[in-house]
Amino acid sequence: MQLQSIRERAQQPARAVSPGLEEMDRFVEQLQESLVHAFDRPEIEGRILAFLNHSNGPTTAGVAAEMRIRPQAAAVHLSELENANRVWSQPSHGSAVTWHISLEGQHYLGQRALEATSIR
C-alpha cells in the first residue's frame, strides 16, 4: 500500500515552485517598460540632466529625491541616460553610485535650450 502511494505521488504533475514569482517578474518588467517608454520620459530625463549639470555627483537616491520620484524609477531613467552616453556613474560608499553628466549630456541640454528659444 505504501509503495502504491509513492508511485501515485511520483506520477502526479509537479507543482510549480512559485507561480507567483514568475507573475511578479513579468509585472516588474511591464512596469519598467512603461516607465522607460512613458510619454513624459524626455521631460524627466531632461530635468535629471539639468540637475546633474548643477550638482556634484548625487546618488540615485539623491536624484530620486530631487525629481520627487521613487529610487527605482530614478535608477531606470539613469540607466537609460547612461546607455545613451549622457551620464556616467562612479562607485561610491557601499553599493551606492554617484551620477555625473557627460559631455554628450551637456550637448543634449544645449540643443534643447536652443530649440526652446527658437520656438518662442
PDB file of N, CA and C in Angstrom:
ATOM      1  N   MET A   1       0.818  -1.179   0.000  1.00  0.00           N
ATOM      2  CA  MET A   1       0.000   0.000   0.000  1.00  0.00           C
ATOM      3  C   MET A   1       0.872   1.257   0.000  1.00  0.00           C
ATOM      4  N   GLN A   2       1.893   1.261   0.760  1.00  0.00           N
ATOM      5  CA  GLN A   2       2.760   2.424   0.809  1.00  0.00           C
ATOM      6  C   GLN A   2       3.476   2.627  -0.522  1.00  0.00           C
ATOM      7  N   LEU A   3       3.883   1.551  -1.168  1.00  0.00           N
ATOM      8  CA  LEU A   3       4.543   1.632  -2.466  1.00  0.00           C
ATOM      9  C   LEU A   3       3.617   2.259  -3.498  1.00  0.00           C
ATOM     10  N   GLN A   4       2.348   1.896  -3.439  1.00  0.00           N
ATOM     11  CA  GLN A   4       1.375   2.461  -4.367  1.00  0.00           C
ATOM     12  C   GLN A   4       1.258   3.974  -4.182  1.00  0.00           C
ATOM     13  N   SER A   5       1.198   4.474  -2.964  1.00  0.00           N
ATOM     14  CA  SER A   5       1.050   5.913  -2.732  1.00  0.00           C
ATOM     15  C   SER A   5       2.292   6.667  -3.206  1.00  0.00           C
ATOM     16  N   ILE A   6       3.463   6.058  -3.095  1.00  0.00           N
ATOM     17  CA  ILE A   6       4.672   6.697  -3.600  1.00  0.00           C
ATOM     18  C   ILE A   6       4.612   6.793  -5.112  1.00  0.00           C
ATOM     19  N   ARG A   7       4.162   5.709  -5.777  1.00  0.00           N
ATOM     20  CA  ARG A   7       4.025   5.745  -7.248  1.00  0.00           C
ATOM     21  C   ARG A   7       3.025   6.815  -7.670  1.00  0.00           C
ATOM     22  N   GLU A   8       1.903   6.890  -6.966  1.00  0.00           N
ATOM     23  CA  GLU A   8       0.877   7.879  -7.309  1.00  0.00           C
ATOM     24  C   GLU A   8       1.421   9.293  -7.174  1.00  0.00           C
ATOM     25  N   ARG A   9       2.161   9.540  -6.117  1.00  0.00           N
ATOM     26  CA  ARG A   9       2.748  10.876  -5.936  1.00  0.00           C
ATOM     27  C   ARG A   9       3.779  11.179  -7.016  1.00  0.00           C
ATOM     28  N   ALA A  10       4.543  10.191  -7.398  1.00  0.00           N
ATOM     29  CA  ALA A  10       5.578  10.388  -8.418  1.00  0.00           C
ATOM     30  C   ALA A  10       4.959  10.672  -9.778  1.00  0.00           C
ATOM     31  N   GLN A  11       3.774  10.094 -10.016  1.00  0.00           N
ATOM     32  CA  GLN A  11       3.143  10.284 -11.318  1.00  0.00           C
ATOM     33  C   GLN A  11       2.311  11.563 -11.395  1.00  0.00           C
ATOM     34  N   GLN A  12       2.045  12.183 -10.259  1.00  0.00           N
ATOM     35  CA  GLN A  12       1.288  13.431 -10.273  1.00  0.00           C
ATOM     36  C   GLN A  12       2.159  14.534 -10.865  1.00  0.00           C
ATOM     37  N   PRO A  13       1.551  15.443 -11.639  1.00  0.00           N
ATOM     38  CA  PRO A  13       2.356  16.533 -12.198  1.00  0.00           C
ATOM     39  C   PRO A  13       2.947  17.387 -11.080  1.00  0.00           C
ATOM     40  N   ALA A  14       4.172  17.757 -11.284  1.00  0.00           N
ATOM     41  CA  ALA A  14       4.853  18.580 -10.281  1.00  0.00           C
ATOM     42  C   ALA A  14       4.233  19.970 -10.253  1.00  0.00           C
ATOM     43  N   ARG A  15       4.037  20.464  -9.046  1.00  0.00           N
ATOM     44  CA  ARG A  15       3.504  21.819  -8.919  1.00  0.00           C
ATOM     45  C   ARG A  15       4.625  22.812  -9.175  1.00  0.00           C
ATOM     46  N   ALA A  16       4.261  23.933  -9.715  1.00  0.00           N
ATOM     47  CA  ALA A  16       5.262  24.979  -9.942  1.00  0.00           C
ATOM     48  C   ALA A  16       5.827  25.407  -8.598  1.00  0.00           C
ATOM     49  N   VAL A  17       7.109  25.653  -8.577  1.00  0.00           N
ATOM     50  CA  VAL A  17       7.767  26.010  -7.335  1.00  0.00           C
ATOM     51  C   VAL A  17       7.146  27.271  -6.752  1.00  0.00           C
ATOM     52  N   SER A  18       7.061  28.301  -7.522  1.00  0.00           N
ATOM     53  CA  SER A  18       6.391  29.513  -7.078  1.00  0.00           C
ATOM     54  C   SER A  18       5.825  30.241  -8.282  1.00  0.00           C
ATOM     55  N   PRO A  19       4.589  29.928  -8.635  1.00  0.00           N
ATOM     56  CA  PRO A  19       3.998  30.593  -9.802  1.00  0.00           C
ATOM     57  C   PRO A  19       3.863  32.098  -9.593  1.00  0.00           C
ATOM     58  N   GLY A  20       3.782  32.542  -8.355  1.00  0.00           N
ATOM     59  CA  GLY A  20       3.662  33.966  -8.073  1.00  0.00           C
ATOM     60  C   GLY A  20       4.901  34.745  -8.463  1.00  0.00           C
ATOM     61  N   LEU A  21       6.077  34.119  -8.357  1.00  0.00           N
ATOM     62  CA  LEU A  21       7.323  34.813  -8.708  1.00  0.00           C
ATOM     63  C   LEU A  21       7.400  35.123 -10.192  1.00  0.00           C
ATOM     64  N   GLU A  22       6.992  34.181 -11.026  1.00  0.00           N
ATOM     65  CA  GLU A  22       7.007  34.425 -12.475  1.00  0.00           C
ATOM     66  C   GLU A  22       6.077  35.578 -12.836  1.00  0.00           C
ATOM     67  N   GLU A  23       4.886  35.574 -12.237  1.00  0.00           N
ATOM     68  CA  GLU A  23       3.938  36.655 -12.496  1.00  0.00           C
ATOM     69  C   GLU A  23       4.491  37.990 -12.016  1.00  0.00           C
ATOM     70  N   MET A  24       5.140  37.966 -10.855  1.00  0.00           N
ATOM     71  CA  MET A  24       5.697  39.201 -10.320  1.00  0.00           C
ATOM     72  C   MET A  24       6.828  39.704 -11.214  1.00  0.00           C
ATOM     73  N   ASP A  25       7.678  38.798 -11.710  1.00  0.00           N
ATOM     74  CA  ASP A  25       8.752  39.204 -12.608  1.00  0.00           C
ATOM     75  C   ASP A  25       8.194  39.858 -13.869  1.00  0.00           C
ATOM     76  N   ARG A  26       7.139  39.255 -14.425  1.00  0.00           N
ATOM     77  CA  ARG A  26       6.511  39.834 -15.618  1.00  0.00           C
ATOM     78  C   ARG A  26       5.919  41.205 -15.305  1.00  0.00           C
ATOM     79  N   PHE A  27       5.304  41.339 -14.150  1.00  0.00           N
ATOM     80  CA  PHE A  27       4.713  42.613 -13.738  1.00  0.00           C
ATOM     81  C   PHE A  27       5.793  43.687 -13.595  1.00  0.00           C
ATOM     82  N   VAL A  28       6.918  43.333 -12.976  1.00  0.00           N
ATOM     83  CA  VAL A  28       8.021  44.288 -12.810  1.00  0.00           C
ATOM     84  C   VAL A  28       8.564  44.703 -14.175  1.00  0.00           C
ATOM     85  N   GLU A  29       8.715  43.752 -15.093  1.00  0.00           N
ATOM     86  CA  GLU A  29       9.190  44.087 -16.444  1.00  0.00           C
ATOM     87  C   GLU A  29       8.219  45.032 -17.146  1.00  0.00           C
ATOM     88  N   GLN A  30       6.926  44.776 -16.995  1.00  0.00           N
ATOM     89  CA  GLN A  30       5.931  45.653 -17.609  1.00  0.00           C
ATOM     90  C   GLN A  30       5.998  47.056 -17.022  1.00  0.00           C
ATOM     91  N   LEU A  31       6.167  47.150 -15.702  1.00  0.00           N
ATOM     92  CA  LEU A  31       6.276  48.463 -15.069  1.00  0.00           C
ATOM     93  C   LEU A  31       7.511  49.207 -15.555  1.00  0.00           C
ATOM     94  N   GLN A  32       8.640  48.501 -15.634  1.00  0.00           N
ATOM     95  CA  GLN A  32       9.860  49.150 -16.106  1.00  0.00           C
ATOM     96  C   GLN A  32       9.705  49.592 -17.548  1.00  0.00           C
ATOM     97  N   GLU A  33       9.078  48.753 -18.350  1.00  0.00           N
ATOM     98  CA  GLU A  33       8.871  49.077 -19.756  1.00  0.00           C
ATOM     99  C   GLU A  33       8.009  50.329 -19.887  1.00  0.00           C
ATOM    100  N   SER A  34       6.908  50.397 -19.134  1.00  0.00           N
ATOM    101  CA  SER A  34       6.037  51.562 -19.232  1.00  0.00           C
ATOM    102  C   SER A  34       6.715  52.792 -18.654  1.00  0.00           C
ATOM    103  N   LEU A  35       7.553  52.597 -17.656  1.00  0.00           N
ATOM    104  CA  LEU A  35       8.260  53.715 -17.059  1.00  0.00           C
ATOM    105  C   LEU A  35       9.247  54.315 -18.048  1.00  0.00           C
ATOM    106  N   VAL A  36       9.992  53.451 -18.717  1.00  0.00           N
ATOM    107  CA  VAL A  36      11.024  53.914 -19.639  1.00  0.00           C
ATOM    108  C   VAL A  36      10.406  54.518 -20.891  1.00  0.00           C
ATOM    109  N   HIS A  37       9.287  53.986 -21.351  1.00  0.00           N
ATOM    110  CA  HIS A  37       8.699  54.460 -22.593  1.00  0.00           C
ATOM    111  C   HIS A  37       7.496  55.375 -22.380  1.00  0.00           C
ATOM    112  N   ALA A  38       7.373  55.888 -21.193  1.00  0.00           N
ATOM    113  CA  ALA A  38       6.258  56.788 -20.910  1.00  0.00           C
ATOM    114  C   ALA A  38       6.421  58.077 -21.710  1.00  0.00           C
ATOM    115  N   PHE A  39       5.305  58.746 -21.969  1.00  0.00           N
ATOM    116  CA  PHE A  39       5.342  59.963 -22.775  1.00  0.00           C
ATOM    117  C   PHE A  39       6.150  61.070 -22.109  1.00  0.00           C
ATOM    118  N   ASP A  40       6.272  61.031 -20.785  1.00  0.00           N
ATOM    119  CA  ASP A  40       6.996  62.090 -20.091  1.00  0.00           C
ATOM    120  C   ASP A  40       8.468  61.764 -19.863  1.00  0.00           C
ATOM    121  N   ARG A  41       8.949  60.676 -20.434  1.00  0.00           N
ATOM    122  CA  ARG A  41      10.348  60.285 -20.250  1.00  0.00           C
ATOM    123  C   ARG A  41      11.328  61.376 -20.651  1.00  0.00           C
ATOM    124  N   PRO A  42      11.211  61.994 -21.829  1.00  0.00           N
ATOM    125  CA  PRO A  42      12.171  63.045 -22.186  1.00  0.00           C
ATOM    126  C   PRO A  42      12.157  64.218 -21.213  1.00  0.00           C
ATOM    127  N   GLU A  43      10.976  64.543 -20.694  1.00  0.00           N
ATOM    128  CA  GLU A  43      10.883  65.667 -19.760  1.00  0.00           C
ATOM    129  C   GLU A  43      11.608  65.337 -18.455  1.00  0.00           C
ATOM    130  N   ILE A  44      11.356  64.156 -17.908  1.00  0.00           N
ATOM    131  CA  ILE A  44      12.003  63.758 -16.659  1.00  0.00           C
ATOM    132  C   ILE A  44      13.511  63.635 -16.856  1.00  0.00           C
ATOM    133  N   GLU A  45      13.921  62.999 -17.944  1.00  0.00           N
ATOM    134  CA  GLU A  45      15.349  62.823 -18.183  1.00  0.00           C
ATOM    135  C   GLU A  45      16.038  64.156 -18.450  1.00  0.00           C
ATOM    136  N   GLY A  46      15.333  65.096 -19.063  1.00  0.00           N
ATOM    137  CA  GLY A  46      15.888  66.439 -19.238  1.00  0.00           C
ATOM    138  C   GLY A  46      16.084  67.131 -17.891  1.00  0.00           C
ATOM    139  N   ARG A  47      15.112  66.953 -16.994  1.00  0.00           N
ATOM    140  CA  ARG A  47      15.245  67.521 -15.649  1.00  0.00           C
ATOM    141  C   ARG A  47      16.398  66.875 -14.888  1.00  0.00           C
ATOM    142  N   ILE A  48      16.570  65.568 -15.060  1.00  0.00           N
ATOM    143  CA  ILE A  48      17.682  64.876 -14.403  1.00  0.00           C
ATOM    144  C   ILE A  48      19.010  65.421 -14.920  1.00  0.00           C
ATOM    145  N   LEU A  49      19.120  65.597 -16.225  1.00  0.00           N
ATOM    146  CA  LEU A  49      20.361  66.133 -16.803  1.00  0.00           C
ATOM    147  C   LEU A  49      20.631  67.548 -16.290  1.00  0.00           C
ATOM    148  N   ALA A  50      19.601  68.360 -16.239  1.00  0.00           N
ATOM    149  CA  ALA A  50      19.782  69.732 -15.743  1.00  0.00           C
ATOM    150  C   ALA A  50      20.231  69.721 -14.283  1.00  0.00           C
ATOM    151  N   PHE A  51      19.658  68.829 -13.500  1.00  0.00           N
ATOM    152  CA  PHE A  51      20.058  68.712 -12.097  1.00  0.00           C
ATOM    153  C   PHE A  51      21.518  68.264 -11.987  1.00  0.00           C
ATOM    154  N   LEU A  52      21.891  67.251 -12.761  1.00  0.00           N
ATOM    155  CA  LEU A  52      23.268  66.757 -12.714  1.00  0.00           C
ATOM    156  C   LEU A  52      24.256  67.808 -13.200  1.00  0.00           C
ATOM    157  N   ASN A  53      23.817  68.652 -14.100  1.00  0.00           N
ATOM    158  CA  ASN A  53      24.689  69.692 -14.642  1.00  0.00           C
ATOM    159  C   ASN A  53      25.076  70.709 -13.568  1.00  0.00           C
ATOM    160  N   HIS A  54      24.240  70.851 -12.541  1.00  0.00           N
ATOM    161  CA  HIS A  54      24.496  71.837 -11.495  1.00  0.00           C
ATOM    162  C   HIS A  54      24.748  71.211 -10.127  1.00  0.00           C
ATOM    163  N   SER A  55      25.001  69.902 -10.102  1.00  0.00           N
ATOM    164  CA  SER A  55      25.235  69.244  -8.815  1.00  0.00           C
ATOM    165  C   SER A  55      26.589  68.551  -8.818  1.00  0.00           C
ATOM    166  N   ASN A  56      26.958  68.063  -7.663  1.00  0.00           N
ATOM    167  CA  ASN A  56      28.274  67.452  -7.516  1.00  0.00           C
ATOM    168  C   ASN A  56      28.136  65.969  -7.195  1.00  0.00           C
ATOM    169  N   GLY A  57      27.737  65.169  -8.174  1.00  0.00           N
ATOM    170  CA  GLY A  57      27.680  63.730  -8.025  1.00  0.00           C
ATOM    171  C   GLY A  57      26.683  63.186  -7.020  1.00  0.00           C
ATOM    172  N   PRO A  58      25.390  63.438  -7.231  1.00  0.00           N
ATOM    173  CA  PRO A  58      24.408  62.870  -6.321  1.00  0.00           C
ATOM    174  C   PRO A  58      24.259  61.362  -6.527  1.00  0.00           C
ATOM    175  N   THR A  59      23.783  60.682  -5.511  1.00  0.00           N
ATOM    176  CA  THR A  59      23.492  59.254  -5.628  1.00  0.00           C
ATOM    177  C   THR A  59      22.146  59.082  -6.336  1.00  0.00           C
ATOM    178  N   THR A  60      21.800  57.832  -6.610  1.00  0.00           N
ATOM    179  CA  THR A  60      20.499  57.547  -7.214  1.00  0.00           C
ATOM    180  C   THR A  60      19.385  58.044  -6.297  1.00  0.00           C
ATOM    181  N   ALA A  61      19.541  57.820  -5.005  1.00  0.00           N
ATOM    182  CA  ALA A  61      18.532  58.290  -4.048  1.00  0.00           C
ATOM    183  C   ALA A  61      18.436  59.813  -4.049  1.00  0.00           C
ATOM    184  N   GLY A  62      19.567  60.487  -4.206  1.00  0.00           N
ATOM    185  CA  GLY A  62      19.566  61.947  -4.263  1.00  0.00           C
ATOM    186  C   GLY A  62      18.854  62.464  -5.497  1.00  0.00           C
ATOM    187  N   VAL A  63      19.079  61.799  -6.632  1.00  0.00           N
ATOM    188  CA  VAL A  63      18.380  62.180  -7.873  1.00  0.00           C
ATOM    189  C   VAL A  63      16.885  61.945  -7.699  1.00  0.00           C
ATOM    190  N   ALA A  64      16.533  60.799  -7.119  1.00  0.00           N
ATOM    191  CA  ALA A  64      15.113  60.477  -6.914  1.00  0.00           C
ATOM    192  C   ALA A  64      14.439  61.519  -6.022  1.00  0.00           C
ATOM    193  N   ALA A  65      15.117  61.913  -4.953  1.00  0.00           N
ATOM    194  CA  ALA A  65      14.546  62.909  -4.037  1.00  0.00           C
ATOM    195  C   ALA A  65      14.356  64.246  -4.742  1.00  0.00           C
ATOM    196  N   GLU A  66      15.328  64.650  -5.535  1.00  0.00           N
ATOM    197  CA  GLU A  66      15.234  65.932  -6.246  1.00  0.00           C
ATOM    198  C   GLU A  66      14.126  65.911  -7.295  1.00  0.00           C
ATOM    199  N   MET A  67      13.953  64.776  -7.982  1.00  0.00           N
ATOM    200  CA  MET A  67      12.934  64.662  -9.029  1.00  0.00           C
ATOM    201  C   MET A  67      11.563  64.303  -8.469  1.00  0.00           C
ATOM    202  N   ARG A  68      11.541  63.962  -7.166  1.00  0.00           N
ATOM    203  CA  ARG A  68      10.311  63.524  -6.499  1.00  0.00           C
ATOM    204  C   ARG A  68       9.714  62.297  -7.163  1.00  0.00           C
ATOM    205  N   ILE A  69      10.596  61.319  -7.413  1.00  0.00           N
ATOM    206  CA  ILE A  69      10.186  60.029  -7.949  1.00  0.00           C
ATOM    207  C   ILE A  69      10.802  58.949  -7.066  1.00  0.00           C
ATOM    208  N   ARG A  70      10.348  57.719  -7.235  1.00  0.00           N
ATOM    209  CA  ARG A  70      10.900  56.615  -6.448  1.00  0.00           C
ATOM    210  C   ARG A  70      12.324  56.308  -6.909  1.00  0.00           C
ATOM    211  N   PRO A  71      13.157  55.815  -5.999  1.00  0.00           N
ATOM    212  CA  PRO A  71      14.531  55.458  -6.372  1.00  0.00           C
ATOM    213  C   PRO A  71      14.597  54.427  -7.504  1.00  0.00           C
ATOM    214  N   GLN A  72      13.637  53.500  -7.556  1.00  0.00           N
ATOM    215  CA  GLN A  72      13.617  52.513  -8.639  1.00  0.00           C
ATOM    216  C   GLN A  72      13.376  53.199  -9.980  1.00  0.00           C
ATOM    217  N   ALA A  73      12.503  54.185 -10.000  1.00  0.00           N
ATOM    218  CA  ALA A  73      12.235  54.927 -11.235  1.00  0.00           C
ATOM    219  C   ALA A  73      13.464  55.734 -11.643  1.00  0.00           C
ATOM    220  N   ALA A  74      14.104  56.356 -10.664  1.00  0.00           N
ATOM    221  CA  ALA A  74      15.324  57.113 -10.959  1.00  0.00           C
ATOM    222  C   ALA A  74      16.397  56.200 -11.523  1.00  0.00           C
ATOM    223  N   ALA A  75      16.512  54.994 -10.965  1.00  0.00           N
ATOM    224  CA  ALA A  75      17.518  54.045 -11.445  1.00  0.00           C
ATOM    225  C   ALA A  75      17.272  53.667 -12.902  1.00  0.00           C
ATOM    226  N   VAL A  76      16.006  53.495 -13.273  1.00  0.00           N
ATOM    227  CA  VAL A  76      15.677  53.151 -14.664  1.00  0.00           C
ATOM    228  C   VAL A  76      16.033  54.315 -15.593  1.00  0.00           C
ATOM    229  N   HIS A  77      15.647  55.537 -15.213  1.00  0.00           N
ATOM    230  CA  HIS A  77      15.954  56.702 -16.050  1.00  0.00           C
ATOM    231  C   HIS A  77      17.461  56.917 -16.161  1.00  0.00           C
ATOM    232  N   LEU A  78      18.172  56.785 -15.044  1.00  0.00           N
ATOM    233  CA  LEU A  78      19.628  56.970 -15.066  1.00  0.00           C
ATOM    234  C   LEU A  78      20.296  55.901 -15.921  1.00  0.00           C
ATOM    235  N   SER A  79      19.789  54.698 -15.860  1.00  0.00           N
ATOM    236  CA  SER A  79      20.332  53.620 -16.699  1.00  0.00           C
ATOM    237  C   SER A  79      20.140  53.928 -18.179  1.00  0.00           C
ATOM    238  N   GLU A  80      18.957  54.429 -18.519  1.00  0.00           N
ATOM    239  CA  GLU A  80      18.691  54.799 -19.920  1.00  0.00           C
ATOM    240  C   GLU A  80      19.591  55.948 -20.356  1.00  0.00           C
ATOM    241  N   LEU A  81      19.781  56.922 -19.483  1.00  0.00           N
ATOM    242  CA  LEU A  81      20.674  58.037 -19.820  1.00  0.00           C
ATOM    243  C   LEU A  81      22.117  57.558 -19.952  1.00  0.00           C
ATOM    244  N   GLU A  82      22.502  56.600 -19.125  1.00  0.00           N
ATOM    245  CA  GLU A  82      23.853  56.054 -19.218  1.00  0.00           C
ATOM    246  C   GLU A  82      24.033  55.278 -20.520  1.00  0.00           C
ATOM    247  N   ASN A  83      23.007  54.535 -20.919  1.00  0.00           N
ATOM    248  CA  ASN A  83      23.057  53.803 -22.187  1.00  0.00           C
ATOM    249  C   ASN A  83      23.170  54.754 -23.376  1.00  0.00           C
ATOM    250  N   ALA A  84      22.627  55.950 -23.238  1.00  0.00           N
ATOM    251  CA  ALA A  84      22.703  56.968 -24.296  1.00  0.00           C
ATOM    252  C   ALA A  84      23.959  57.826 -24.173  1.00  0.00           C
ATOM    253  N   ASN A  85      24.851  57.472 -23.255  1.00  0.00           N
ATOM    254  CA  ASN A  85      26.111  58.199 -23.010  1.00  0.00           C
ATOM    255  C   ASN A  85      25.896  59.645 -22.574  1.00  0.00           C
ATOM    256  N   ARG A  86      24.782  59.901 -21.901  1.00  0.00           N
ATOM    257  CA  ARG A  86      24.520  61.266 -21.424  1.00  0.00           C
ATOM    258  C   ARG A  86      24.926  61.460 -19.971  1.00  0.00           C
ATOM    259  N   VAL A  87      25.085  60.358 -19.243  1.00  0.00           N
ATOM    260  CA  VAL A  87      25.573  60.401 -17.865  1.00  0.00           C
ATOM    261  C   VAL A  87      26.551  59.255 -17.671  1.00  0.00           C
ATOM    262  N   TRP A  88      27.316  59.353 -16.595  1.00  0.00           N
ATOM    263  CA  TRP A  88      28.188  58.247 -16.207  1.00  0.00           C
ATOM    264  C   TRP A  88      28.135  58.104 -14.703  1.00  0.00           C
ATOM    265  N   SER A  89      28.413  56.885 -14.259  1.00  0.00           N
ATOM    266  CA  SER A  89      28.327  56.610 -12.821  1.00  0.00           C
ATOM    267  C   SER A  89      29.702  56.275 -12.274  1.00  0.00           C
ATOM    268  N   GLN A  90      29.830  56.486 -10.977  1.00  0.00           N
ATOM    269  CA  GLN A  90      31.086  56.208 -10.297  1.00  0.00           C
ATOM    270  C   GLN A  90      30.752  55.541  -8.965  1.00  0.00           C
ATOM    271  N   PRO A  91      31.412  54.409  -8.645  1.00  0.00           N
ATOM    272  CA  PRO A  91      31.132  53.757  -7.356  1.00  0.00           C
ATOM    273  C   PRO A  91      31.396  54.708  -6.200  1.00  0.00           C
ATOM    274  N   SER A  92      30.552  54.589  -5.212  1.00  0.00           N
ATOM    275  CA  SER A  92      30.678  55.430  -4.022  1.00  0.00           C
ATOM    276  C   SER A  92      30.749  54.509  -2.805  1.00  0.00           C
ATOM    277  N   HIS A  93      30.298  54.953  -1.686  1.00  0.00           N
ATOM    278  CA  HIS A  93      30.326  54.160  -0.458  1.00  0.00           C
ATOM    279  C   HIS A  93      29.354  52.994  -0.557  1.00  0.00           C
ATOM    280  N   GLY A  94      29.815  51.799  -0.204  1.00  0.00           N
ATOM    281  CA  GLY A  94      28.954  50.619  -0.238  1.00  0.00           C
ATOM    282  C   GLY A  94      28.514  50.303  -1.647  1.00  0.00           C
ATOM    283  N   SER A  95      27.217  50.083  -1.803  1.00  0.00           N
ATOM    284  CA  SER A  95      26.690  49.747  -3.131  1.00  0.00           C
ATOM    285  C   SER A  95      26.193  50.976  -3.886  1.00  0.00           C
ATOM    286  N   ALA A  96      26.273  52.137  -3.271  1.00  0.00           N
ATOM    287  CA  ALA A  96      25.787  53.368  -3.907  1.00  0.00           C
ATOM    288  C   ALA A  96      26.733  53.812  -5.022  1.00  0.00           C
ATOM    289  N   VAL A  97      26.176  54.503  -5.977  1.00  0.00           N
ATOM    290  CA  VAL A  97      26.970  55.117  -7.040  1.00  0.00           C
ATOM    291  C   VAL A  97      26.600  56.591  -7.105  1.00  0.00           C
ATOM    292  N   THR A  98      27.528  57.388  -7.595  1.00  0.00           N
ATOM    293  CA  THR A  98      27.226  58.796  -7.829  1.00  0.00           C
ATOM    294  C   THR A  98      27.090  58.991  -9.327  1.00  0.00           C
ATOM    295  N   TRP A  99      26.300  59.969  -9.711  1.00  0.00           N
ATOM    296  CA  TRP A  99      25.999  60.213 -11.126  1.00  0.00           C
ATOM    297  C   TRP A  99      26.535  61.564 -11.548  1.00  0.00           C
ATOM    298  N   HIS A 100      27.023  61.601 -12.797  1.00  0.00           N
ATOM    299  CA  HIS A 100      27.613  62.812 -13.352  1.00  0.00           C
ATOM    300  C   HIS A 100      27.160  62.957 -14.803  1.00  0.00           C
ATOM    301  N   ILE A 101      26.994  64.193 -15.222  1.00  0.00           N
ATOM    302  CA  ILE A 101      26.608  64.442 -16.612  1.00  0.00           C
ATOM    303  C   ILE A 101      27.843  64.325 -17.495  1.00  0.00           C
ATOM    304  N   SER A 102      27.668  63.767 -18.668  1.00  0.00           N
ATOM    305  CA  SER A 102      28.779  63.628 -19.612  1.00  0.00           C
ATOM    306  C   SER A 102      28.769  64.794 -20.603  1.00  0.00           C
ATOM    307  N   LEU A 103      29.784  64.862 -21.418  1.00  0.00           N
ATOM    308  CA  LEU A 103      29.808  65.901 -22.458  1.00  0.00           C
ATOM    309  C   LEU A 103      28.632  65.751 -23.407  1.00  0.00           C
ATOM    310  N   GLU A 104      28.279  64.517 -23.718  1.00  0.00           N
ATOM    311  CA  GLU A 104      27.123  64.260 -24.586  1.00  0.00           C
ATOM    312  C   GLU A 104      25.841  64.782 -23.934  1.00  0.00           C
ATOM    313  N   GLY A 105      25.727  64.597 -22.614  1.00  0.00           N
ATOM    314  CA  GLY A 105      24.565  65.113 -21.883  1.00  0.00           C
ATOM    315  C   GLY A 105      24.520  66.627 -21.886  1.00  0.00           C
ATOM    316  N   GLN A 106      25.674  67.264 -21.739  1.00  0.00           N
ATOM    317  CA  GLN A 106      25.735  68.728 -21.775  1.00  0.00           C
ATOM    318  C   GLN A 106      25.362  69.230 -23.170  1.00  0.00           C
ATOM    319  N   HIS A 107      25.828  68.527 -24.194  1.00  0.00           N
ATOM    320  CA  HIS A 107      25.483  68.896 -25.574  1.00  0.00           C
ATOM    321  C   HIS A 107      23.971  68.781 -25.793  1.00  0.00           C
ATOM    322  N   TYR A 108      23.387  67.704 -25.271  1.00  0.00           N
ATOM    323  CA  TYR A 108      21.945  67.493 -25.385  1.00  0.00           C
ATOM    324  C   TYR A 108      21.178  68.629 -24.710  1.00  0.00           C
ATOM    325  N   LEU A 109      21.615  69.030 -23.518  1.00  0.00           N
ATOM    326  CA  LEU A 109      20.961  70.147 -22.826  1.00  0.00           C
ATOM    327  C   LEU A 109      21.075  71.441 -23.627  1.00  0.00           C
ATOM    328  N   GLY A 110      22.244  71.667 -24.201  1.00  0.00           N
ATOM    329  CA  GLY A 110      22.449  72.865 -25.020  1.00  0.00           C
ATOM    330  C   GLY A 110      21.528  72.882 -26.228  1.00  0.00           C
ATOM    331  N   GLN A 111      21.374  71.734 -26.878  1.00  0.00           N
ATOM    332  CA  GLN A 111      20.475  71.654 -28.034  1.00  0.00           C
ATOM    333  C   GLN A 111      19.029  71.919 -27.629  1.00  0.00           C
ATOM    334  N   ARG A 112      18.609  71.361 -26.511  1.00  0.00           N
ATOM    335  CA  ARG A 112      17.243  71.573 -26.028  1.00  0.00           C
ATOM    336  C   ARG A 112      16.999  73.036 -25.712  1.00  0.00           C
ATOM    337  N   ALA A 113      18.007  73.703 -25.148  1.00  0.00           N
ATOM    338  CA  ALA A 113      17.873  75.129 -24.829  1.00  0.00           C
ATOM    339  C   ALA A 113      17.734  75.943 -26.110  1.00  0.00           C
ATOM    340  N   LEU A 114      18.509  75.581 -27.133  1.00  0.00           N
ATOM    341  CA  LEU A 114      18.421  76.293 -28.420  1.00  0.00           C
ATOM    342  C   LEU A 114      17.062  76.061 -29.053  1.00  0.00           C
ATOM    343  N   GLU A 115      16.570  74.827 -29.009  1.00  0.00           N
ATOM    344  CA  GLU A 115      15.259  74.533 -29.579  1.00  0.00           C
ATOM    345  C   GLU A 115      14.164  75.294 -28.847  1.00  0.00           C
ATOM    346  N   ALA A 116      14.278  75.389 -27.525  1.00  0.00           N
ATOM    347  CA  ALA A 116      13.270  76.110 -26.738  1.00  0.00           C
ATOM    348  C   ALA A 116      13.251  77.591 -27.079  1.00  0.00           C
ATOM    349  N   THR A 117      14.426  78.192 -27.313  1.00  0.00           N
ATOM    350  CA  THR A 117      14.457  79.610 -27.635  1.00  0.00           C
ATOM    351  C   THR A 117      14.018  79.876 -29.061  1.00  0.00           C
ATOM    352  N   SER A 118      14.223  78.925 -29.963  1.00  0.00           N
ATOM    353  CA  SER A 118      13.811  79.133 -31.357  1.00  0.00           C
ATOM    354  C   SER A 118      12.300  78.947 -31.513  1.00  0.00           C
ATOM    355  N   ILE A 119      11.676  78.214 -30.605  1.00  0.00           N
ATOM    356  CA  ILE A 119      10.228  78.025 -30.668  1.00  0.00           C
ATOM    357  C   ILE A 119       9.504  79.275 -30.223  1.00  0.00           C
ATOM    358  N   ARG A 120      10.055  80.001 -29.299  1.00  0.00           N
ATOM    359  CA  ARG A 120       9.401  81.211 -28.764  1.00  0.00           C
ATOM    360  C   ARG A 120       9.365  82.271 -29.752  1.00  0.00           C
TER     361      ARG A 120
END
